[in-house]
N, C-alpha and C. Protein backbone atom coordinates (compact mmCIF):
# COMPACT_ATOMS: atom_id res chain seq x y z
N UNK A 1 -20.27 -23.29 1.38
CA UNK A 1 -19.35 -23.31 -0.41
C UNK A 1 -20.51 -21.69 -1.19
N UNK A 2 -21.64 -22.03 -0.32
CA UNK A 2 -22.56 -21.15 -1.33
C UNK A 2 -23.22 -19.90 -0.88
N UNK A 3 -22.52 -19.76 0.47
CA UNK A 3 -22.76 -18.39 1.04
C UNK A 3 -21.97 -17.41 0.65
N UNK A 4 -20.73 -18.14 0.28
CA UNK A 4 -19.73 -17.11 0.59
C UNK A 4 -19.77 -16.98 -1.29
N UNK A 5 -20.15 -17.65 -2.01
CA UNK A 5 -20.02 -17.43 -3.63
C UNK A 5 -20.93 -16.06 -3.93
N UNK A 6 -22.47 -16.52 -2.85
CA UNK A 6 -22.90 -14.99 -2.92
C UNK A 6 -22.50 -14.28 -2.15
N UNK A 7 -21.54 -13.73 -1.22
CA UNK A 7 -20.79 -13.05 -0.73
C UNK A 7 -20.61 -12.27 -2.01
N UNK A 8 -19.44 -13.69 -2.42
CA UNK A 8 -18.42 -12.30 -4.57
C UNK A 8 -18.89 -11.75 -5.61
N UNK A 9 -20.40 -12.62 -5.16
CA UNK A 9 -21.49 -11.95 -6.63
C UNK A 9 -21.77 -10.14 -5.27
N UNK A 10 -22.26 -10.38 -4.46
CA UNK A 10 -22.71 -8.81 -3.87
C UNK A 10 -21.64 -7.98 -4.28
N UNK A 11 -20.52 -8.54 -4.22
CA UNK A 11 -19.28 -7.43 -3.59
C UNK A 11 -19.26 -7.07 -5.06
N UNK A 12 -19.31 -7.64 -6.44
CA UNK A 12 -18.86 -7.88 -7.40
C UNK A 12 -19.81 -6.64 -7.48
N UNK A 13 -20.93 -6.80 -7.98
CA UNK A 13 -22.58 -6.07 -8.59
C UNK A 13 -21.85 -4.72 -7.22
N UNK A 14 -21.56 -4.68 -6.41
CA UNK A 14 -21.57 -3.63 -6.16
C UNK A 14 -20.84 -2.24 -6.72
N UNK A 15 -19.46 -3.37 -6.64
CA UNK A 15 -18.23 -2.87 -7.44
C UNK A 15 -18.79 -2.23 -8.53
N UNK A 16 -19.28 -2.52 -9.19
CA UNK A 16 -19.36 -3.32 -10.86
C UNK A 16 -20.24 -1.53 -10.69
N UNK A 17 -21.69 -1.55 -9.29
CA UNK A 17 -22.60 0.12 -9.80
C UNK A 17 -21.83 0.85 -9.10
N UNK A 18 -20.98 0.96 -7.26
CA UNK A 18 -20.96 1.98 -7.41
C UNK A 18 -19.11 1.57 -7.24
N UNK A 19 -18.14 1.90 -7.62
CA UNK A 19 -16.73 1.63 -7.85
C UNK A 19 -16.46 2.17 -6.81
N UNK A 20 -14.91 1.97 -5.49
CA UNK A 20 -14.46 2.58 -4.30
C UNK A 20 -13.23 2.28 -5.35
N UNK A 21 -12.57 3.18 -3.42
CA UNK A 21 -10.46 3.34 -4.50
C UNK A 21 -10.50 2.67 -3.50
N UNK A 22 -9.59 2.10 -2.87
CA UNK A 22 -9.66 1.70 -1.86
C UNK A 22 -7.98 1.46 -1.78
N UNK A 23 -6.85 1.19 -0.70
CA UNK A 23 -5.15 0.52 -0.93
C UNK A 23 -5.76 -0.29 0.77
N UNK A 24 -5.25 -0.69 0.80
CA UNK A 24 -4.68 -1.15 2.65
C UNK A 24 -3.39 -1.50 2.28
N UNK A 25 -3.17 -0.78 3.52
CA UNK A 25 -1.48 -0.86 3.47
C UNK A 25 -1.36 -1.11 5.02
N UNK A 26 -0.66 -1.83 4.89
CA UNK A 26 -0.04 -3.01 6.72
C UNK A 26 2.00 -2.73 7.24
N UNK A 27 1.95 -2.58 8.29
CA UNK A 27 3.10 -1.81 8.36
C UNK A 27 3.13 -2.61 10.35
N UNK A 28 4.21 -3.72 9.98
CA UNK A 28 4.43 -4.76 11.38
C UNK A 28 5.56 -5.13 11.20
N UNK A 29 6.11 -4.24 12.89
CA UNK A 29 7.16 -4.61 13.28
C UNK A 29 7.66 -6.67 13.53
N UNK A 30 8.48 -6.38 12.42
CA UNK A 30 9.95 -8.13 13.23
C UNK A 30 10.87 -7.93 13.98
N UNK A 31 10.54 -8.01 15.25
CA UNK A 31 11.15 -7.82 16.62
C UNK A 31 11.95 -8.50 16.07
N UNK A 32 11.89 -10.06 15.36
CA UNK A 32 13.12 -10.90 15.29
C UNK A 32 13.76 -10.28 14.64
N UNK A 33 13.98 -10.35 13.44
CA UNK A 33 14.38 -9.57 12.48
C UNK A 33 15.19 -8.54 12.40
N UNK A 34 14.52 -7.57 13.53
CA UNK A 34 15.25 -6.12 13.45
C UNK A 34 14.61 -5.60 12.59
N UNK A 35 13.14 -5.23 11.54
CA UNK A 35 13.03 -4.65 10.40
C UNK A 35 11.51 -4.66 10.65
N UNK A 36 11.05 -3.44 9.59
CA UNK A 36 10.06 -3.39 9.63
C UNK A 36 8.56 -3.88 8.04
N UNK A 37 8.35 -4.36 8.13
CA UNK A 37 7.16 -5.04 7.26
C UNK A 37 6.37 -4.43 6.49
N UNK A 38 6.74 -3.87 5.85
CA UNK A 38 5.17 -2.86 5.27
C UNK A 38 4.65 -3.89 3.54
N UNK A 39 3.37 -4.02 3.61
CA UNK A 39 2.49 -4.77 2.60
C UNK A 39 1.58 -3.29 2.41
N UNK A 40 1.40 -3.36 1.11
CA UNK A 40 0.77 -2.52 -0.08
C UNK A 40 -0.13 -3.01 -0.67
N UNK A 41 -1.05 -3.01 -0.70
CA UNK A 41 -2.81 -3.87 -1.66
C UNK A 41 -3.15 -2.74 -2.19
N UNK A 42 -3.63 -2.68 -3.63
CA UNK A 42 -4.18 -2.21 -3.74
C UNK A 42 -4.66 -2.51 -5.11
N UNK A 43 -5.98 -1.67 -5.70
CA UNK A 43 -6.54 -2.69 -7.62
C UNK A 43 -5.04 -2.52 -8.25
N UNK A 44 -5.02 -3.51 -9.37
CA UNK A 44 -4.49 -3.44 -10.32
C UNK A 44 -4.31 -1.75 -11.21
N UNK A 45 -5.96 -2.10 -11.54
CA UNK A 45 -6.03 -1.03 -12.29
C UNK A 45 -6.27 -0.31 -12.13
N UNK A 46 -6.26 0.18 -10.70
CA UNK A 46 -5.89 1.80 -10.02
C UNK A 46 -4.29 1.75 -10.01
N UNK A 47 -3.86 1.58 -9.95
CA UNK A 47 -2.06 1.26 -9.79
C UNK A 47 -1.21 1.66 -11.26
N UNK A 48 -2.04 0.91 -12.28
CA UNK A 48 -1.28 0.29 -13.41
C UNK A 48 -1.70 1.93 -14.34
N UNK A 49 -2.53 2.64 -13.99
CA UNK A 49 -3.51 4.59 -14.37
C UNK A 49 -2.69 5.29 -13.71
N UNK A 50 -1.79 4.68 -12.61
CA UNK A 50 -1.70 5.88 -11.66
C UNK A 50 -0.14 6.10 -12.42
N UNK A 51 0.65 4.86 -12.50
CA UNK A 51 1.99 4.38 -13.32
C UNK A 51 1.74 5.23 -15.05
N UNK A 52 0.81 4.47 -15.00
CA UNK A 52 0.91 5.49 -16.35
C UNK A 52 1.12 6.95 -16.89
N UNK A 53 0.05 7.38 -16.05
CA UNK A 53 -1.03 8.90 -16.41
C UNK A 53 0.57 9.83 -15.72
N UNK A 54 1.68 8.81 -15.55
CA UNK A 54 2.98 9.80 -14.36
C UNK A 54 4.22 9.71 -15.18
N UNK A 55 4.08 8.84 -16.11
CA UNK A 55 4.89 8.16 -16.49
C UNK A 55 5.07 8.64 -18.05
N UNK A 56 3.97 8.23 -19.41
CA UNK A 56 3.41 8.40 -20.03
C UNK A 56 3.94 7.55 -20.97
N UNK A 57 3.62 6.39 -20.57
CA UNK A 57 3.85 4.97 -20.81
C UNK A 57 2.88 3.96 -20.86
N UNK A 58 2.76 3.03 -20.92
CA UNK A 58 1.74 2.03 -20.96
C UNK A 58 2.35 0.81 -20.06
N UNK A 59 1.80 0.54 -18.90
CA UNK A 59 2.03 -0.12 -17.88
C UNK A 59 1.34 -1.47 -17.41
N UNK A 60 1.70 -2.38 -17.86
CA UNK A 60 0.28 -3.56 -17.77
C UNK A 60 1.40 -4.90 -16.70
N UNK A 61 0.79 -4.75 -15.12
CA UNK A 61 1.26 -5.47 -14.70
C UNK A 61 0.96 -7.41 -14.38
N UNK A 62 0.31 -7.47 -14.92
CA UNK A 62 0.61 -8.63 -14.89
C UNK A 62 1.77 -9.44 -15.99
N UNK A 63 1.63 -8.34 -17.57
CA UNK A 63 2.87 -8.64 -18.51
C UNK A 63 3.64 -8.36 -18.75
N UNK A 64 4.79 -7.33 -17.96
CA UNK A 64 5.55 -6.80 -17.58
C UNK A 64 6.30 -7.22 -19.47
N UNK A 65 6.48 -5.16 -20.48
CA UNK A 65 7.84 -5.17 -21.02
C UNK A 65 8.79 -5.34 -20.71
N UNK A 66 9.74 -5.09 -19.41
CA UNK A 66 10.69 -4.96 -19.02
C UNK A 66 10.58 -4.70 -17.66
N UNK A 67 10.05 -6.07 -17.10
CA UNK A 67 10.10 -6.06 -15.15
C UNK A 67 11.00 -5.22 -14.01
N UNK A 68 12.67 -5.04 -14.76
CA UNK A 68 13.23 -4.26 -14.07
C UNK A 68 12.61 -2.20 -14.34
N UNK A 69 12.50 -2.01 -15.02
CA UNK A 69 12.28 -0.41 -15.21
C UNK A 69 10.91 -1.13 -14.07
N UNK A 70 9.41 -1.53 -14.57
CA UNK A 70 9.35 -1.55 -14.08
C UNK A 70 8.87 -1.38 -12.38
N UNK A 71 10.32 -2.28 -12.60
CA UNK A 71 10.61 -1.81 -10.36
C UNK A 71 10.36 -0.80 -10.03
N UNK A 72 11.64 0.33 -11.66
CA UNK A 72 12.11 0.30 -10.77
C UNK A 72 11.16 1.75 -10.75
N UNK A 73 9.73 1.71 -11.92
CA UNK A 73 8.58 2.80 -11.41
C UNK A 73 7.60 2.56 -9.92
N UNK A 74 7.37 1.79 -10.26
CA UNK A 74 7.09 0.71 -8.66
C UNK A 74 7.58 1.45 -7.20
N UNK A 75 8.86 1.32 -7.42
CA UNK A 75 10.13 1.92 -6.41
C UNK A 75 9.48 3.07 -5.83
N UNK A 76 10.47 3.41 -7.09
CA UNK A 76 10.56 5.50 -7.06
C UNK A 76 8.50 6.16 -6.39
N UNK A 77 7.74 4.96 -7.26
CA UNK A 77 6.57 5.78 -6.44
C UNK A 77 6.27 5.21 -5.43
N UNK A 78 6.83 4.71 -4.30
CA UNK A 78 6.25 4.25 -3.09
C UNK A 78 6.69 5.12 -2.20
N UNK A 79 8.02 5.32 -2.47
CA UNK A 79 8.99 6.77 -2.18
C UNK A 79 8.53 7.58 -1.86
N UNK A 80 7.45 8.55 -3.22
CA UNK A 80 7.35 9.14 -3.21
C UNK A 80 6.15 9.72 -2.21
N UNK A 81 4.33 8.73 -2.07
CA UNK A 81 4.44 8.23 -1.73
C UNK A 81 4.18 8.00 -0.37
N UNK A 82 4.05 7.60 0.15
CA UNK A 82 5.09 6.67 1.38
C UNK A 82 6.44 7.07 1.76
N UNK A 83 6.02 8.41 2.96
CA UNK A 83 7.12 8.22 3.79
C UNK A 83 6.58 7.43 5.43
N UNK A 84 7.63 7.13 5.52
CA UNK A 84 7.72 6.43 6.98
C UNK A 84 8.46 7.13 8.30
N UNK A 85 7.75 6.83 9.48
CA UNK A 85 9.00 7.65 10.86
C UNK A 85 8.74 7.03 11.37
N UNK A 86 9.71 6.32 12.16
CA UNK A 86 9.89 5.49 13.01
C UNK A 86 10.46 6.09 14.99
N UNK A 87 9.72 5.95 15.40
CA UNK A 87 10.40 7.14 16.17
C UNK A 87 10.51 8.37 16.25
N UNK A 88 9.91 9.11 15.70
CA UNK A 88 10.76 10.77 15.67
C UNK A 88 11.67 10.12 14.45
N UNK A 89 12.05 9.56 13.68
CA UNK A 89 12.85 9.54 12.76
C UNK A 89 12.43 9.27 11.61
N UNK A 90 13.14 9.76 10.35
CA UNK A 90 12.62 9.50 9.11
C UNK A 90 13.60 8.10 8.25
N UNK A 91 12.99 6.52 7.43
CA UNK A 91 13.57 5.99 7.84
C UNK A 91 13.60 5.49 6.13
N UNK A 92 14.08 5.17 5.47
CA UNK A 92 13.79 5.50 4.26
C UNK A 92 13.59 3.75 3.81
N UNK A 93 12.39 3.63 3.19
CA UNK A 93 11.66 2.30 2.53
C UNK A 93 12.51 1.27 1.65
N UNK A 94 13.20 0.44 1.72
CA UNK A 94 13.16 -1.07 0.44
C UNK A 94 12.39 -1.20 0.07
N UNK A 95 12.12 -1.11 -1.63
CA UNK A 95 11.90 -1.78 -2.50
C UNK A 95 11.68 -3.40 -2.05
N UNK A 96 11.09 -4.17 -1.88
CA UNK A 96 11.58 -5.88 -2.08
C UNK A 96 10.83 -5.93 -3.47
N UNK A 97 9.70 -5.38 -4.00
CA UNK A 97 8.85 -5.88 -5.33
C UNK A 97 7.76 -6.17 -5.33
N UNK A 98 7.15 -6.47 -6.08
CA UNK A 98 5.55 -6.36 -6.25
C UNK A 98 5.04 -8.08 -6.87
N UNK A 99 3.62 -8.45 -6.09
CA UNK A 99 3.08 -9.49 -7.49
C UNK A 99 1.07 -9.41 -7.07
N UNK A 100 0.44 -9.59 -7.91
CA UNK A 100 -0.33 -9.82 -8.94
C UNK A 100 -1.45 -11.20 -8.33
N UNK A 101 -2.07 -10.69 -8.39
CA UNK A 101 -2.91 -11.72 -6.33
C UNK A 101 -3.90 -11.37 -6.93
N UNK A 102 -4.78 -11.86 -7.69
CA UNK A 102 -6.57 -11.59 -8.82
C UNK A 102 -6.31 -9.41 -8.92
N UNK A 103 -7.29 -9.43 -8.62
CA UNK A 103 -7.53 -7.54 -9.07
C UNK A 103 -6.69 -7.25 -8.23
N UNK A 104 -5.78 -7.44 -7.10
CA UNK A 104 -5.17 -6.90 -6.60
C UNK A 104 -3.82 -6.91 -6.28
N UNK A 105 -2.87 -5.89 -6.30
CA UNK A 105 -1.19 -6.01 -6.66
C UNK A 105 -0.86 -5.59 -5.46
N UNK A 106 0.53 -6.03 -4.72
CA UNK A 106 0.49 -5.99 -3.26
C UNK A 106 2.42 -5.53 -3.78
N UNK A 107 2.60 -4.48 -3.53
CA UNK A 107 4.14 -3.82 -3.28
C UNK A 107 4.22 -4.37 -1.82
N UNK A 108 5.56 -4.83 -2.16
CA UNK A 108 6.34 -5.61 0.19
C UNK A 108 7.95 -4.38 0.01
N UNK A 109 7.51 -3.31 0.66
CA UNK A 109 8.63 -2.93 1.07
C UNK A 109 9.57 -2.95 2.43
N UNK A 110 11.04 -2.35 2.92
CA UNK A 110 10.79 -2.85 4.85
C UNK A 110 11.49 -1.70 4.72
N UNK A 111 11.70 -2.06 6.17
CA UNK A 111 12.52 -1.26 6.44
C UNK A 111 13.99 -1.66 7.88
N UNK A 112 14.92 -1.48 7.35
CA UNK A 112 15.64 -2.40 7.97
C UNK A 112 16.32 -1.67 9.90
N UNK A 113 17.00 -2.61 10.41
CA UNK A 113 17.66 -1.79 11.30
C UNK A 113 16.71 -1.26 12.62
N UNK A 114 15.60 -2.30 12.98
CA UNK A 114 15.18 -1.43 13.25
C UNK A 114 14.40 -2.29 14.69
N UNK A 115 14.78 -2.04 16.38
CA UNK A 115 14.92 -2.96 16.92
C UNK A 115 13.69 -2.85 17.94
N UNK A 116 14.08 -1.85 18.20
CA UNK A 116 12.12 -1.26 18.84
C UNK A 116 11.44 -0.52 18.20
N UNK A 117 10.15 0.20 18.39
CA UNK A 117 9.16 0.47 17.30
C UNK A 117 8.21 0.80 18.58
N UNK A 118 8.07 2.00 19.05
CA UNK A 118 6.72 2.65 19.77
C UNK A 118 6.11 3.50 18.97
N UNK A 119 6.19 4.64 18.55
CA UNK A 119 5.55 5.11 17.06
C UNK A 119 5.57 5.02 16.23
N UNK A 120 5.08 5.01 15.20
CA UNK A 120 5.33 5.09 13.86
C UNK A 120 4.16 6.58 13.62
N UNK A 121 5.03 7.39 12.17
CA UNK A 121 3.97 8.49 11.83
C UNK A 121 3.84 8.15 10.26
N UNK A 122 3.10 8.56 9.73
CA UNK A 122 3.82 8.23 7.88
C UNK A 122 2.65 9.20 7.46
N UNK A 123 3.10 9.20 5.81
CA UNK A 123 2.83 10.19 5.35
C UNK A 123 2.43 9.91 4.14
N UNK A 124 1.46 10.12 3.55
CA UNK A 124 0.64 8.82 2.72
C UNK A 124 -0.34 9.65 1.96
N UNK A 125 0.10 10.02 -0.13
CA UNK A 125 -0.53 10.18 -0.43
C UNK A 125 -1.18 9.45 -1.35
N UNK A 126 -0.89 8.36 -1.44
CA UNK A 126 -0.79 7.17 -2.67
C UNK A 126 -2.49 7.37 -3.43
N UNK A 127 -2.26 7.16 -4.46
CA UNK A 127 -2.89 6.49 -5.14
C UNK A 127 -4.69 8.40 -5.40
N UNK A 128 -3.49 9.22 -4.40
CA UNK A 128 -4.12 10.67 -4.64
C UNK A 128 -4.72 10.94 -6.27
N UNK A 129 -2.73 10.99 -6.82
CA UNK A 129 -3.31 11.83 -8.27
C UNK A 129 -4.16 10.77 -8.65
N UNK A 130 -4.59 9.23 -8.88
CA UNK A 130 -5.59 8.92 -10.10
C UNK A 130 -6.89 9.47 -9.75
N UNK A 131 -6.91 9.06 -7.66
CA UNK A 131 -8.17 9.62 -7.42
C UNK A 131 -8.90 10.25 -5.76
N UNK A 132 -9.39 11.52 -6.58
CA UNK A 132 -9.53 11.90 -4.75
C UNK A 132 -11.19 11.37 -4.14
N UNK A 133 -11.56 10.21 -3.99
CA UNK A 133 -12.47 9.79 -3.64
C UNK A 133 -12.04 7.93 -2.38
N UNK A 134 -10.25 8.29 -3.10
CA UNK A 134 -9.26 7.08 -2.89
C UNK A 134 -9.55 7.50 -1.08
N UNK A 135 -8.90 6.36 -0.22
CA UNK A 135 -8.83 5.58 0.62
C UNK A 135 -7.90 4.83 0.91
N UNK A 136 -7.30 5.29 2.33
CA UNK A 136 -5.88 4.55 2.56
C UNK A 136 -6.08 4.13 3.90
N UNK A 137 -6.39 2.78 3.70
CA UNK A 137 -6.65 2.23 5.33
C UNK A 137 -5.35 1.52 6.49
N UNK A 138 -4.60 1.89 7.14
CA UNK A 138 -3.55 1.63 7.74
C UNK A 138 -3.81 0.60 8.24
N UNK A 139 -3.43 -0.67 8.77
CA UNK A 139 -3.33 -1.33 10.04
C UNK A 139 -1.42 -1.79 10.66
N UNK A 140 -1.21 -0.66 11.59
CA UNK A 140 0.03 -0.89 12.42
C UNK A 140 -0.15 -2.23 13.25
N UNK A 141 0.95 -2.53 13.53
CA UNK A 141 1.22 -4.26 14.15
C UNK A 141 3.00 -3.80 14.97
N UNK A 142 2.95 -4.24 16.11
CA UNK A 142 4.10 -3.92 17.25
C UNK A 142 4.04 -4.26 18.18
N UNK A 143 5.33 -4.84 18.86
CA UNK A 143 4.90 -5.11 20.51
C UNK A 143 3.65 -5.83 21.02
N UNK A 144 2.90 -5.80 20.53
CA UNK A 144 1.37 -7.57 20.32
C UNK A 144 0.52 -6.66 20.27
N UNK A 145 0.07 -4.98 19.87
CA UNK A 145 -0.54 -4.34 19.93
C UNK A 145 -0.85 -4.01 18.14
N UNK A 146 -2.57 -3.81 17.74
CA UNK A 146 -2.45 -3.43 16.66
C UNK A 146 -3.23 -1.91 16.38
N UNK A 147 -3.64 -1.37 15.31
CA UNK A 147 -3.81 -0.67 15.84
C UNK A 147 -4.68 -0.25 14.51
N UNK A 148 -5.59 0.65 13.60
CA UNK A 148 -5.96 0.68 12.39
C UNK A 148 -6.88 1.59 12.30
N UNK A 149 -5.99 2.82 11.22
CA UNK A 149 -6.41 4.46 10.51
C UNK A 149 -7.17 4.35 9.51
N UNK A 150 -8.50 4.77 8.66
CA UNK A 150 -8.73 4.97 7.58
C UNK A 150 -8.10 6.80 7.21
N UNK A 151 -7.26 6.85 6.45
CA UNK A 151 -7.28 7.55 5.82
C UNK A 151 -7.38 8.57 4.53
N UNK A 152 -8.19 9.57 4.32
CA UNK A 152 -9.71 10.37 3.27
C UNK A 152 -8.45 11.34 2.86
N UNK A 153 -8.68 11.32 1.13
CA UNK A 153 -8.50 12.57 0.63
C UNK A 153 -8.66 13.44 1.09
N UNK A 154 -8.23 14.36 1.80
CA UNK A 154 -7.54 15.27 1.44
C UNK A 154 -6.43 15.23 1.80
N UNK A 155 -6.55 14.34 3.45
CA UNK A 155 -5.74 14.05 4.72
C UNK A 155 -4.30 13.42 4.20
N UNK A 156 -3.34 13.06 4.93
CA UNK A 156 -2.01 12.99 4.18
C UNK A 156 -1.59 11.88 5.55
N UNK A 157 -1.80 12.61 6.60
CA UNK A 157 -0.97 12.79 7.75
C UNK A 157 -1.72 11.30 9.01
N UNK A 158 -0.87 10.17 9.20
CA UNK A 158 -1.28 9.48 10.77
C UNK A 158 -0.60 9.10 11.04
N UNK A 159 -1.00 8.74 12.32
CA UNK A 159 0.07 8.88 13.85
C UNK A 159 -0.12 7.05 14.08
N UNK A 160 0.05 6.42 14.91
CA UNK A 160 -0.09 5.09 15.29
C UNK A 160 0.99 5.75 16.64
N UNK A 161 1.06 5.47 18.36
CA UNK A 161 1.75 4.56 19.13
C UNK A 161 1.09 3.65 19.85
N UNK A 162 2.10 2.82 19.69
CA UNK A 162 1.75 1.39 20.42
C UNK A 162 2.34 1.24 21.81
């Protein structure tokens, strides 16, 4: 317990002294449901700042004035910033929703009607319009395999064969 508190304090101190800009994008093929589940985790303040800047409005993910309008903004932004091809075919993502957990926002997307998955290609410039130090880390799971990749500004393309 004391060790985990110590680690949390060290991470908090490091973040305060040297901020970092990172998101984690998980792409998981759910063979049983024949879908691809995508979760995007980023810092709340980074997403709020980006959406506010791009739409000339104040965005508050914790206490939205109009949840439906905010969902539309998030869905539009994610569709613009993350495009996924499965086995060489571009696939539209369906926005499921978001939730805030502590300092992170989790955005959930889904691609339906995917029976098999052998190759995933991603074009991603998520939060590059917010910070050029942005790093997007991908974890892709399918067919009992997992692959990861770190995408750093200005690179926007990542490919995975599973």
